[in-house]
Amino acid sequence: MKRLHWAVLGVLMAAAGIAATVLLWPGEPSPQPITYANISRNARICLASTSAGDAPEIWREIQAESSGKPVNAQHLIAPNRQPDTVASFLNGVLALHCRLIITTGTDMHDATTAAAKSHPEQTFASNDQSITLPNVRHVTTPAETVQLIHGVTNDR
């Protein structure tokens, strides 16, 4: 009888241990926010547009200027031209910590204006001459784009 008593007690202790393990087991870690680290320490130049064909000459100049230099160039294209989507898209571009964000196309006007107002420390450039904010430069020719990239990357 004593042996049965100890066996039952052992089974109960094992069950209690398993239950405690299951109840006290740490849950899944909470998701960490995505952070973008520029481990290369290169200047990041971002061209943001709503179409790949918006400014091919500006993109070619950015690529040419980044070749062989400490510059990471990215051409980011919004999923569509809807104003709310473009604004969200441009906020995502801001999260990349680009040293210079160049926007092209009239459908980027409102989003660029809003982003430039709310992020006065960020340098923007646009081919939209109607944006008149101090942190938005105007680029209409490849030579102006090159000069702006030189100015931004030499400030390292």
Protein backbone atom coordinates (compact mmCIF):
# COMPACT_ATOMS: atom_id res chain seq x y z
CA MET A 1 0.00 0.00 0.00
CA LYS A 2 2.85 2.35 0.82
CA ARG A 3 4.35 1.72 -2.57
CA LEU A 4 1.08 2.65 -4.30
CA HIS A 5 0.82 5.75 -2.10
CA TRP A 6 4.33 6.89 -3.15
CA ALA A 7 3.61 6.12 -6.82
CA VAL A 8 0.43 8.21 -6.76
CA LEU A 9 2.27 10.99 -4.93
CA GLY A 10 5.06 10.84 -7.57
CA VAL A 11 2.55 11.04 -10.42
CA LEU A 12 0.81 13.99 -8.77
CA MET A 13 4.13 15.79 -8.23
CA ALA A 14 5.11 15.21 -11.87
CA ALA A 15 1.72 16.50 -13.04
CA ALA A 16 2.08 19.57 -10.83
CA GLY A 17 5.58 20.17 -12.23
CA ILE A 18 4.35 19.88 -15.80
CA ALA A 19 1.40 22.20 -15.11
CA ALA A 20 3.68 24.77 -13.46
CA THR A 21 6.08 24.59 -16.41
CA VAL A 22 3.29 25.12 -18.92
CA LEU A 23 1.74 27.99 -16.95
CA LEU A 24 5.01 29.76 -16.19
CA TRP A 25 6.68 29.22 -19.58
CA PRO A 26 7.55 32.59 -21.07
CA GLY A 27 5.30 33.57 -23.96
CA GLU A 28 6.40 34.65 -27.38
CA PRO A 29 8.55 37.75 -27.23
CA SER A 30 6.71 40.87 -28.24
CA PRO A 31 7.51 41.99 -31.76
CA GLN A 32 10.28 44.55 -31.89
CA PRO A 33 9.87 47.63 -34.05
CA ILE A 34 11.81 47.54 -37.28
CA THR A 35 14.76 49.86 -37.22
CA TYR A 36 16.83 50.66 -40.23
CA ALA A 37 20.52 50.76 -39.55
CA ASN A 38 22.85 52.12 -42.14
CA ILE A 39 25.82 49.95 -41.21
CA SER A 40 27.81 51.13 -44.22
CA ARG A 41 27.63 54.73 -42.96
CA ASN A 42 27.18 55.79 -46.58
CA ALA A 43 24.91 58.71 -47.39
CA ARG A 44 21.50 57.37 -48.41
CA ILE A 45 19.87 59.20 -51.30
CA CYS A 46 16.25 58.24 -51.97
CA LEU A 47 14.21 58.99 -55.08
CA ALA A 48 10.51 58.67 -54.26
CA SER A 49 7.94 58.65 -57.02
CA THR A 50 4.66 57.07 -58.05
CA SER A 51 5.97 55.66 -61.31
CA ALA A 52 9.27 54.25 -62.51
CA GLY A 53 9.02 56.53 -65.54
CA ASP A 54 8.47 59.79 -63.60
CA ALA A 55 12.08 60.95 -63.69
CA PRO A 56 14.40 58.52 -65.45
CA GLU A 57 17.03 61.21 -66.04
CA ILE A 58 17.15 62.10 -62.33
CA TRP A 59 17.49 58.41 -61.41
CA ARG A 60 20.31 57.96 -63.94
CA GLU A 61 22.15 60.93 -62.42
CA ILE A 62 21.69 59.59 -58.89
CA GLN A 63 23.07 56.23 -59.98
CA ALA A 64 26.00 57.85 -61.79
CA GLU A 65 26.85 59.98 -58.74
CA SER A 66 26.63 57.04 -56.36
CA SER A 67 28.93 54.86 -58.45
CA GLY A 68 32.25 54.47 -56.67
CA LYS A 69 31.29 56.90 -53.90
CA PRO A 70 30.06 56.35 -50.36
CA VAL A 71 26.42 56.73 -51.42
CA ASN A 72 23.56 54.25 -51.24
CA ALA A 73 20.94 55.15 -53.85
CA GLN A 74 17.38 53.86 -53.75
CA HIS A 75 14.44 54.43 -56.09
CA LEU A 76 11.24 53.82 -54.17
CA ILE A 77 7.91 53.70 -56.00
CA ALA A 78 4.54 54.20 -54.29
CA PRO A 79 2.05 51.38 -54.80
CA ASN A 80 -0.50 53.78 -56.33
CA ARG A 81 -1.22 57.47 -56.82
CA GLN A 82 -3.97 57.88 -54.21
CA PRO A 83 -3.17 60.81 -51.87
CA ASP A 84 -3.53 58.82 -48.64
CA THR A 85 -1.34 56.02 -50.01
CA VAL A 86 1.29 58.48 -51.23
CA ALA A 87 1.39 60.18 -47.80
CA SER A 88 1.85 56.82 -46.02
CA PHE A 89 4.47 55.81 -48.56
CA LEU A 90 6.46 58.99 -48.00
CA ASN A 91 6.28 58.48 -44.23
CA GLY A 92 7.83 55.06 -44.82
CA VAL A 93 10.60 56.67 -46.87
CA LEU A 94 11.27 59.05 -43.96
CA ALA A 95 11.79 56.01 -41.71
CA LEU A 96 14.73 54.97 -43.92
CA HIS A 97 16.71 58.01 -42.71
CA CYS A 98 17.72 59.15 -46.17
CA ARG A 99 20.11 62.06 -46.14
CA LEU A 100 18.24 63.42 -49.18
CA ILE A 101 14.74 62.54 -50.38
CA ILE A 102 13.98 63.57 -53.95
CA THR A 103 10.31 63.45 -54.94
CA THR A 104 9.03 63.66 -58.48
CA GLY A 105 5.62 64.14 -60.00
CA THR A 106 2.69 66.40 -59.22
CA ASP A 107 0.92 63.65 -57.29
CA MET A 108 3.72 63.86 -54.69
CA HIS A 109 3.07 67.59 -54.03
CA ASP A 110 0.77 67.32 -50.99
CA ALA A 111 2.70 64.47 -49.35
CA THR A 112 6.04 66.22 -49.86
CA THR A 113 4.69 69.50 -48.49
CA ALA A 114 3.24 67.79 -45.40
CA ALA A 115 6.38 65.72 -44.77
CA ALA A 116 8.67 68.73 -45.21
CA LYS A 117 6.59 70.78 -42.77
CA SER A 118 6.55 68.06 -40.12
CA HIS A 119 10.25 67.13 -40.59
CA PRO A 120 12.13 70.42 -40.99
CA GLU A 121 15.47 68.70 -40.31
CA GLN A 122 15.07 66.44 -43.37
CA THR A 123 16.45 67.65 -46.70
CA PHE A 124 14.03 67.23 -49.58
CA ALA A 125 14.27 68.01 -53.25
CA SER A 126 11.47 68.16 -55.76
CA ASN A 127 10.88 69.02 -59.37
CA ASP A 128 7.66 70.72 -58.20
CA GLN A 129 8.50 74.45 -58.14
CA SER A 130 5.33 75.31 -56.20
CA ILE A 131 6.70 73.89 -52.92
CA THR A 132 8.33 76.83 -51.16
CA LEU A 133 9.66 75.45 -47.89
CA PRO A 134 13.19 76.07 -46.62
CA ASN A 135 14.10 72.37 -46.50
CA VAL A 136 12.87 71.62 -50.04
CA ARG A 137 15.35 72.29 -52.85
CA HIS A 138 14.23 72.46 -56.46
CA VAL A 139 15.78 70.25 -59.10
CA THR A 140 14.74 70.39 -62.72
CA THR A 141 17.93 69.41 -64.52
CA PRO A 142 20.40 66.58 -64.04
CA ALA A 143 23.13 69.16 -63.26
CA GLU A 144 21.06 70.52 -60.34
CA THR A 145 20.58 66.98 -59.04
CA VAL A 146 24.32 66.32 -59.21
CA GLN A 147 25.11 69.57 -57.41
CA LEU A 148 22.60 68.79 -54.66
CA ILE A 149 23.98 65.27 -54.17
CA HIS A 150 27.50 66.69 -53.92
CA GLY A 151 26.33 69.20 -51.33
CA VAL A 152 24.58 66.56 -49.24
CA THR A 153 27.34 63.95 -49.40
CA ASN A 154 30.17 66.41 -48.69
CA ASP A 155 28.55 67.31 -45.35
CA ARG A 156 29.64 63.99 -43.88
